[in-house]
Amino acid sequence: MSCGGSDRIIAIYLSNDALSTMSQDDKLIDLNSERAKRVHDLNEKRLNEVRQAFEQAMPLGKAKKKPKNKPKKR
């Protein structure tokens, strides 16, 4: 994202004590994993929409069963 023509990077540094306290907290949310889940869900939704569009545009139809008859001798 661009803010006023310059990109910004924000880094947060935590001490080891803060990290160990955070890792013990059950209510802590891992933002990276939550973002990955959300991105995955959005991609899956988009994929399903594209699949449905293709199925409507080019229906596959039902697969034809091959006859089990023996070939005729000539």
PDB file of N, CA and C in Angstrom:
ATOM      1  N   MET A   1       0.833  -1.165   0.000  1.00  0.00           N
ATOM      2  CA  MET A   1       0.000   0.000   0.000  1.00  0.00           C
ATOM      3  C   MET A   1       0.878   1.229   0.000  1.00  0.00           C
ATOM      4  N   SER A   2       0.454   2.238  -0.667  1.00  0.00           N
ATOM      5  CA  SER A   2       1.236   3.437  -0.772  1.00  0.00           C
ATOM      6  C   SER A   2       0.578   4.552   0.031  1.00  0.00           C
ATOM      7  N   CYS A   3       1.362   5.207   0.863  1.00  0.00           N
ATOM      8  CA  CYS A   3       0.854   6.308   1.678  1.00  0.00           C
ATOM      9  C   CYS A   3       1.624   7.561   1.318  1.00  0.00           C
ATOM     10  N   GLY A   4       1.015   8.449   0.548  1.00  0.00           N
ATOM     11  CA  GLY A   4       1.677   9.696   0.216  1.00  0.00           C
ATOM     12  C   GLY A   4       2.911   9.511  -0.630  1.00  0.00           C
ATOM     13  N   GLY A   5       2.964   8.475  -1.425  1.00  0.00           N
ATOM     14  CA  GLY A   5       4.079   8.270  -2.332  1.00  0.00           C
ATOM     15  C   GLY A   5       5.238   7.493  -1.740  1.00  0.00           C
ATOM     16  N   SER A   6       5.190   7.164  -0.451  1.00  0.00           N
ATOM     17  CA  SER A   6       6.286   6.384   0.128  1.00  0.00           C
ATOM     18  C   SER A   6       5.724   5.180   0.861  1.00  0.00           C
ATOM     19  N   ASP A   7       6.410   4.064   0.739  1.00  0.00           N
ATOM     20  CA  ASP A   7       5.987   2.842   1.430  1.00  0.00           C
ATOM     21  C   ASP A   7       6.583   2.851   2.829  1.00  0.00           C
ATOM     22  N   ARG A   8       5.829   2.324   3.789  1.00  0.00           N
ATOM     23  CA  ARG A   8       6.279   2.290   5.168  1.00  0.00           C
ATOM     24  C   ARG A   8       6.335   0.851   5.655  1.00  0.00           C
ATOM     25  N   ILE A   9       7.345   0.540   6.398  1.00  0.00           N
ATOM     26  CA  ILE A   9       7.472  -0.772   7.021  1.00  0.00           C
ATOM     27  C   ILE A   9       7.525  -0.550   8.524  1.00  0.00           C
ATOM     28  N   ILE A  10       6.672  -1.245   9.229  1.00  0.00           N
ATOM     29  CA  ILE A  10       6.633  -1.123  10.679  1.00  0.00           C
ATOM     30  C   ILE A  10       7.148  -2.422  11.271  1.00  0.00           C
ATOM     31  N   ALA A  11       8.143  -2.310  12.118  1.00  0.00           N
ATOM     32  CA  ALA A  11       8.720  -3.491  12.772  1.00  0.00           C
ATOM     33  C   ALA A  11       8.489  -3.372  14.266  1.00  0.00           C
ATOM     34  N   ILE A  12       8.101  -4.461  14.881  1.00  0.00           N
ATOM     35  CA  ILE A  12       7.882  -4.493  16.316  1.00  0.00           C
ATOM     36  C   ILE A  12       8.884  -5.468  16.916  1.00  0.00           C
ATOM     37  N   TYR A  13       9.664  -4.973  17.867  1.00  0.00           N
ATOM     38  CA  TYR A  13      10.648  -5.811  18.529  1.00  0.00           C
ATOM     39  C   TYR A  13      10.160  -6.098  19.939  1.00  0.00           C
ATOM     40  N   LEU A  14      10.150  -7.362  20.330  1.00  0.00           N
ATOM     41  CA  LEU A  14       9.694  -7.762  21.650  1.00  0.00           C
ATOM     42  C   LEU A  14      10.815  -8.497  22.371  1.00  0.00           C
ATOM     43  N   SER A  15      10.865  -8.331  23.651  1.00  0.00           N
ATOM     44  CA  SER A  15      11.869  -9.040  24.442  1.00  0.00           C
ATOM     45  C   SER A  15      11.488 -10.512  24.549  1.00  0.00           C
ATOM     46  N   ASN A  16      12.411 -11.342  24.980  1.00  0.00           N
ATOM     47  CA  ASN A  16      12.133 -12.768  25.147  1.00  0.00           C
ATOM     48  C   ASN A  16      11.041 -13.003  26.173  1.00  0.00           C
ATOM     49  N   ASP A  17      11.007 -12.186  27.243  1.00  0.00           N
ATOM     50  CA  ASP A  17       9.966 -12.318  28.259  1.00  0.00           C
ATOM     51  C   ASP A  17       8.590 -12.059  27.665  1.00  0.00           C
ATOM     52  N   ALA A  18       8.508 -11.036  26.831  1.00  0.00           N
ATOM     53  CA  ALA A  18       7.222 -10.706  26.218  1.00  0.00           C
ATOM     54  C   ALA A  18       6.783 -11.821  25.280  1.00  0.00           C
ATOM     55  N   LEU A  19       7.728 -12.396  24.542  1.00  0.00           N
ATOM     56  CA  LEU A  19       7.393 -13.488  23.622  1.00  0.00           C
ATOM     57  C   LEU A  19       6.935 -14.717  24.380  1.00  0.00           C
ATOM     58  N   SER A  20       7.607 -15.057  25.481  1.00  0.00           N
ATOM     59  CA  SER A  20       7.210 -16.248  26.232  1.00  0.00           C
ATOM     60  C   SER A  20       5.852 -16.038  26.872  1.00  0.00           C
ATOM     61  N   THR A  21       5.565 -14.825  27.336  1.00  0.00           N
ATOM     62  CA  THR A  21       4.253 -14.532  27.906  1.00  0.00           C
ATOM     63  C   THR A  21       3.183 -14.634  26.829  1.00  0.00           C
ATOM     64  N   MET A  22       3.499 -14.136  25.636  1.00  0.00           N
ATOM     65  CA  MET A  22       2.521 -14.175  24.552  1.00  0.00           C
ATOM     66  C   MET A  22       2.270 -15.600  24.092  1.00  0.00           C
ATOM     67  N   SER A  23       3.305 -16.440  24.071  1.00  0.00           N
ATOM     68  CA  SER A  23       3.116 -17.807  23.597  1.00  0.00           C
ATOM     69  C   SER A  23       2.274 -18.622  24.574  1.00  0.00           C
ATOM     70  N   GLN A  24       2.257 -18.227  25.850  1.00  0.00           N
ATOM     71  CA  GLN A  24       1.466 -18.941  26.838  1.00  0.00           C
ATOM     72  C   GLN A  24       0.016 -18.489  26.846  1.00  0.00           C
ATOM     73  N   ASP A  25      -0.267 -17.372  26.224  1.00  0.00           N
ATOM     74  CA  ASP A  25      -1.625 -16.826  26.222  1.00  0.00           C
ATOM     75  C   ASP A  25      -2.469 -17.577  25.199  1.00  0.00           C
ATOM     76  N   ASP A  26      -3.521 -18.272  25.651  1.00  0.00           N
ATOM     77  CA  ASP A  26      -4.370 -19.057  24.750  1.00  0.00           C
ATOM     78  C   ASP A  26      -5.230 -18.173  23.860  1.00  0.00           C
ATOM     79  N   LYS A  27      -5.498 -16.966  24.298  1.00  0.00           N
ATOM     80  CA  LYS A  27      -6.385 -16.083  23.548  1.00  0.00           C
ATOM     81  C   LYS A  27      -5.642 -15.292  22.475  1.00  0.00           C
ATOM     82  N   LEU A  28      -4.353 -15.463  22.396  1.00  0.00           N
ATOM     83  CA  LEU A  28      -3.545 -14.747  21.424  1.00  0.00           C
ATOM     84  C   LEU A  28      -3.865 -15.241  20.013  1.00  0.00           C
ATOM     85  N   ILE A  29      -4.015 -14.327  19.103  1.00  0.00           N
ATOM     86  CA  ILE A  29      -4.335 -14.664  17.714  1.00  0.00           C
ATOM     87  C   ILE A  29      -3.080 -14.480  16.871  1.00  0.00           C
ATOM     88  N   ASP A  30      -2.725 -15.515  16.113  1.00  0.00           N
ATOM     89  CA  ASP A  30      -1.598 -15.417  15.187  1.00  0.00           C
ATOM     90  C   ASP A  30      -2.114 -14.770  13.913  1.00  0.00           C
ATOM     91  N   LEU A  31      -1.744 -13.500  13.722  1.00  0.00           N
ATOM     92  CA  LEU A  31      -2.276 -12.741  12.594  1.00  0.00           C
ATOM     93  C   LEU A  31      -1.843 -13.319  11.253  1.00  0.00           C
ATOM     94  N   ASN A  32      -0.635 -13.848  11.175  1.00  0.00           N
ATOM     95  CA  ASN A  32      -0.167 -14.424   9.910  1.00  0.00           C
ATOM     96  C   ASN A  32      -1.002 -15.633   9.511  1.00  0.00           C
ATOM     97  N   SER A  33      -1.294 -16.511  10.465  1.00  0.00           N
ATOM     98  CA  SER A  33      -2.080 -17.699  10.124  1.00  0.00           C
ATOM     99  C   SER A  33      -3.526 -17.316   9.811  1.00  0.00           C
ATOM    100  N   GLU A  34      -4.061 -16.338  10.531  1.00  0.00           N
ATOM    101  CA  GLU A  34      -5.423 -15.892  10.246  1.00  0.00           C
ATOM    102  C   GLU A  34      -5.511 -15.271   8.855  1.00  0.00           C
ATOM    103  N   ARG A  35      -4.499 -14.507   8.484  1.00  0.00           N
ATOM    104  CA  ARG A  35      -4.481 -13.902   7.149  1.00  0.00           C
ATOM    105  C   ARG A  35      -4.359 -14.984   6.083  1.00  0.00           C
ATOM    106  N   ALA A  36      -3.533 -15.989   6.336  1.00  0.00           N
ATOM    107  CA  ALA A  36      -3.373 -17.085   5.377  1.00  0.00           C
ATOM    108  C   ALA A  36      -4.696 -17.827   5.192  1.00  0.00           C
ATOM    109  N   LYS A  37      -5.427 -18.057   6.293  1.00  0.00           N
ATOM    110  CA  LYS A  37      -6.734 -18.719   6.183  1.00  0.00           C
ATOM    111  C   LYS A  37      -7.697 -17.879   5.361  1.00  0.00           C
ATOM    112  N   ARG A  38      -7.704 -16.576   5.633  1.00  0.00           N
ATOM    113  CA  ARG A  38      -8.621 -15.684   4.923  1.00  0.00           C
ATOM    114  C   ARG A  38      -8.292 -15.638   3.428  1.00  0.00           C
ATOM    115  N   VAL A  39      -7.007 -15.537   3.113  1.00  0.00           N
ATOM    116  CA  VAL A  39      -6.583 -15.519   1.709  1.00  0.00           C
ATOM    117  C   VAL A  39      -6.944 -16.838   1.044  1.00  0.00           C
ATOM    118  N   HIS A  40      -6.741 -17.959   1.752  1.00  0.00           N
ATOM    119  CA  HIS A  40      -7.081 -19.271   1.203  1.00  0.00           C
ATOM    120  C   HIS A  40      -8.578 -19.349   0.923  1.00  0.00           C
ATOM    121  N   ASP A  41      -9.395 -18.877   1.870  1.00  0.00           N
ATOM    122  CA  ASP A  41     -10.851 -18.909   1.685  1.00  0.00           C
ATOM    123  C   ASP A  41     -11.282 -18.048   0.503  1.00  0.00           C
ATOM    124  N   LEU A  42     -10.663 -16.878   0.348  1.00  0.00           N
ATOM    125  CA  LEU A  42     -10.997 -16.008  -0.779  1.00  0.00           C
ATOM    126  C   LEU A  42     -10.599 -16.653  -2.100  1.00  0.00           C
ATOM    127  N   ASN A  43      -9.423 -17.277  -2.129  1.00  0.00           N
ATOM    128  CA  ASN A  43      -8.983 -17.944  -3.354  1.00  0.00           C
ATOM    129  C   ASN A  43      -9.894 -19.120  -3.697  1.00  0.00           C
ATOM    130  N   GLU A  44     -10.313 -19.868  -2.680  1.00  0.00           N
ATOM    131  CA  GLU A  44     -11.195 -21.005  -2.920  1.00  0.00           C
ATOM    132  C   GLU A  44     -12.556 -20.534  -3.430  1.00  0.00           C
ATOM    133  N   LYS A  45     -13.048 -19.444  -2.874  1.00  0.00           N
ATOM    134  CA  LYS A  45     -14.322 -18.876  -3.328  1.00  0.00           C
ATOM    135  C   LYS A  45     -14.218 -18.453  -4.791  1.00  0.00           C
ATOM    136  N   ARG A  46     -13.111 -17.783  -5.140  1.00  0.00           N
ATOM    137  CA  ARG A  46     -12.904 -17.344  -6.520  1.00  0.00           C
ATOM    138  C   ARG A  46     -12.796 -18.542  -7.462  1.00  0.00           C
ATOM    139  N   LEU A  47     -12.098 -19.592  -7.026  1.00  0.00           N
ATOM    140  CA  LEU A  47     -11.954 -20.802  -7.831  1.00  0.00           C
ATOM    141  C   LEU A  47     -13.308 -21.460  -8.079  1.00  0.00           C
ATOM    142  N   ASN A  48     -14.146 -21.533  -7.043  1.00  0.00           N
ATOM    143  CA  ASN A  48     -15.477 -22.118  -7.202  1.00  0.00           C
ATOM    144  C   ASN A  48     -16.336 -21.297  -8.159  1.00  0.00           C
ATOM    145  N   GLU A  49     -16.220 -19.968  -8.100  1.00  0.00           N
ATOM    146  CA  GLU A  49     -16.972 -19.117  -9.028  1.00  0.00           C
ATOM    147  C   GLU A  49     -16.544 -19.360 -10.467  1.00  0.00           C
ATOM    148  N   VAL A  50     -15.240 -19.499 -10.683  1.00  0.00           N
ATOM    149  CA  VAL A  50     -14.727 -19.752 -12.036  1.00  0.00           C
ATOM    150  C   VAL A  50     -15.180 -21.129 -12.512  1.00  0.00           C
ATOM    151  N   ARG A  51     -15.152 -22.127 -11.621  1.00  0.00           N
ATOM    152  CA  ARG A  51     -15.621 -23.474 -11.984  1.00  0.00           C
ATOM    153  C   ARG A  51     -17.074 -23.446 -12.423  1.00  0.00           C
ATOM    154  N   GLN A  52     -17.910 -22.748 -11.640  1.00  0.00           N
ATOM    155  CA  GLN A  52     -19.330 -22.668 -11.968  1.00  0.00           C
ATOM    156  C   GLN A  52     -19.544 -21.965 -13.303  1.00  0.00           C
ATOM    157  N   ALA A  53     -18.773 -20.910 -13.568  1.00  0.00           N
ATOM    158  CA  ALA A  53     -18.883 -20.197 -14.838  1.00  0.00           C
ATOM    159  C   ALA A  53     -18.520 -21.112 -16.003  1.00  0.00           C
ATOM    160  N   PHE A  54     -17.455 -21.909 -15.831  1.00  0.00           N
ATOM    161  CA  PHE A  54     -17.062 -22.844 -16.888  1.00  0.00           C
ATOM    162  C   PHE A  54     -18.118 -23.930 -17.084  1.00  0.00           C
ATOM    163  N   GLU A  55     -18.683 -24.426 -15.984  1.00  0.00           N
ATOM    164  CA  GLU A  55     -19.703 -25.465 -16.102  1.00  0.00           C
ATOM    165  C   GLU A  55     -20.935 -24.940 -16.829  1.00  0.00           C
ATOM    166  N   GLN A  56     -21.286 -23.680 -16.613  1.00  0.00           N
ATOM    167  CA  GLN A  56     -22.432 -23.100 -17.313  1.00  0.00           C
ATOM    168  C   GLN A  56     -22.106 -22.862 -18.777  1.00  0.00           C
ATOM    169  N   ALA A  57     -20.881 -22.404 -19.063  1.00  0.00           N
ATOM    170  CA  ALA A  57     -20.502 -22.105 -20.443  1.00  0.00           C
ATOM    171  C   ALA A  57     -20.268 -23.374 -21.256  1.00  0.00           C
ATOM    172  N   MET A  58     -19.653 -24.371 -20.641  1.00  0.00           N
ATOM    173  CA  MET A  58     -19.321 -25.613 -21.341  1.00  0.00           C
ATOM    174  C   MET A  58     -19.709 -26.807 -20.480  1.00  0.00           C
ATOM    175  N   PRO A  59     -20.970 -27.173 -20.473  1.00  0.00           N
ATOM    176  CA  PRO A  59     -21.378 -28.317 -19.650  1.00  0.00           C
ATOM    177  C   PRO A  59     -20.692 -29.597 -20.114  1.00  0.00           C
ATOM    178  N   LEU A  60     -20.259 -30.389 -19.184  1.00  0.00           N
ATOM    179  CA  LEU A  60     -19.544 -31.620 -19.520  1.00  0.00           C
ATOM    180  C   LEU A  60     -20.496 -32.725 -19.946  1.00  0.00           C
ATOM    181  N   GLY A  61     -21.681 -32.719 -19.435  1.00  0.00           N
ATOM    182  CA  GLY A  61     -22.614 -33.789 -19.751  1.00  0.00           C
ATOM    183  C   GLY A  61     -22.251 -35.038 -18.981  1.00  0.00           C
ATOM    184  N   LYS A  62     -23.090 -36.038 -19.104  1.00  0.00           N
ATOM    185  CA  LYS A  62     -22.838 -37.285 -18.386  1.00  0.00           C
ATOM    186  C   LYS A  62     -21.929 -38.183 -19.211  1.00  0.00           C
ATOM    187  N   ALA A  63     -21.096 -38.921 -18.525  1.00  0.00           N
ATOM    188  CA  ALA A  63     -20.191 -39.846 -19.201  1.00  0.00           C
ATOM    189  C   ALA A  63     -20.998 -41.008 -19.771  1.00  0.00           C
ATOM    190  N   LYS A  64     -20.691 -41.370 -21.001  1.00  0.00           N
ATOM    191  CA  LYS A  64     -21.397 -42.478 -21.646  1.00  0.00           C
ATOM    192  C   LYS A  64     -20.757 -43.793 -21.243  1.00  0.00           C
ATOM    193  N   LYS A  65     -21.596 -44.762 -20.929  1.00  0.00           N
ATOM    194  CA  LYS A  65     -21.085 -46.078 -20.574  1.00  0.00           C
ATOM    195  C   LYS A  65     -20.790 -46.860 -21.850  1.00  0.00           C
ATOM    196  N   LYS A  66     -19.679 -47.553 -21.842  1.00  0.00           N
ATOM    197  CA  LYS A  66     -19.323 -48.369 -22.991  1.00  0.00           C
ATOM    198  C   LYS A  66     -20.109 -49.666 -22.911  1.00  0.00           C
ATOM    199  N   PRO A  67     -20.593 -50.130 -24.043  1.00  0.00           N
ATOM    200  CA  PRO A  67     -21.330 -51.403 -24.016  1.00  0.00           C
ATOM    201  C   PRO A  67     -20.378 -52.553 -23.686  1.00  0.00           C
ATOM    202  N   LYS A  68     -20.883 -53.530 -22.965  1.00  0.00           N
ATOM    203  CA  LYS A  68     -20.071 -54.666 -22.559  1.00  0.00           C
ATOM    204  C   LYS A  68     -20.200 -55.825 -23.540  1.00  0.00           C
ATOM    205  N   ASN A  69     -20.811 -55.586 -24.671  1.00  0.00           N
ATOM    206  CA  ASN A  69     -20.967 -56.657 -25.668  1.00  0.00           C
ATOM    207  C   ASN A  69     -19.626 -57.002 -26.301  1.00  0.00           C
ATOM    208  N   LYS A  70     -19.513 -58.265 -26.648  1.00  0.00           N
ATOM    209  CA  LYS A  70     -18.301 -58.705 -27.329  1.00  0.00           C
ATOM    210  C   LYS A  70     -18.333 -58.157 -28.757  1.00  0.00           C
ATOM    211  N   PRO A  71     -17.169 -57.821 -29.299  1.00  0.00           N
ATOM    212  CA  PRO A  71     -17.160 -57.346 -30.693  1.00  0.00           C
ATOM    213  C   PRO A  71     -17.568 -58.476 -31.640  1.00  0.00           C
ATOM    214  N   LYS A  72     -18.289 -58.096 -32.667  1.00  0.00           N
ATOM    215  CA  LYS A  72     -18.769 -59.087 -33.639  1.00  0.00           C
ATOM    216  C   LYS A  72     -17.613 -59.556 -34.507  1.00  0.00           C
ATOM    217  N   LYS A  73     -17.602 -60.886 -34.780  1.00  0.00           N
ATOM    218  CA  LYS A  73     -16.575 -61.435 -35.666  1.00  0.00           C
ATOM    219  C   LYS A  73     -17.033 -61.238 -37.097  1.00  0.00           C
ATOM    220  N   ARG A  74     -16.092 -60.949 -37.926  1.00  0.00           N
ATOM    221  CA  ARG A  74     -16.428 -60.743 -39.334  1.00  0.00           C
ATOM    222  C   ARG A  74     -15.858 -61.812 -40.192  1.00  0.00           C
TER     223      ARG A  74
END
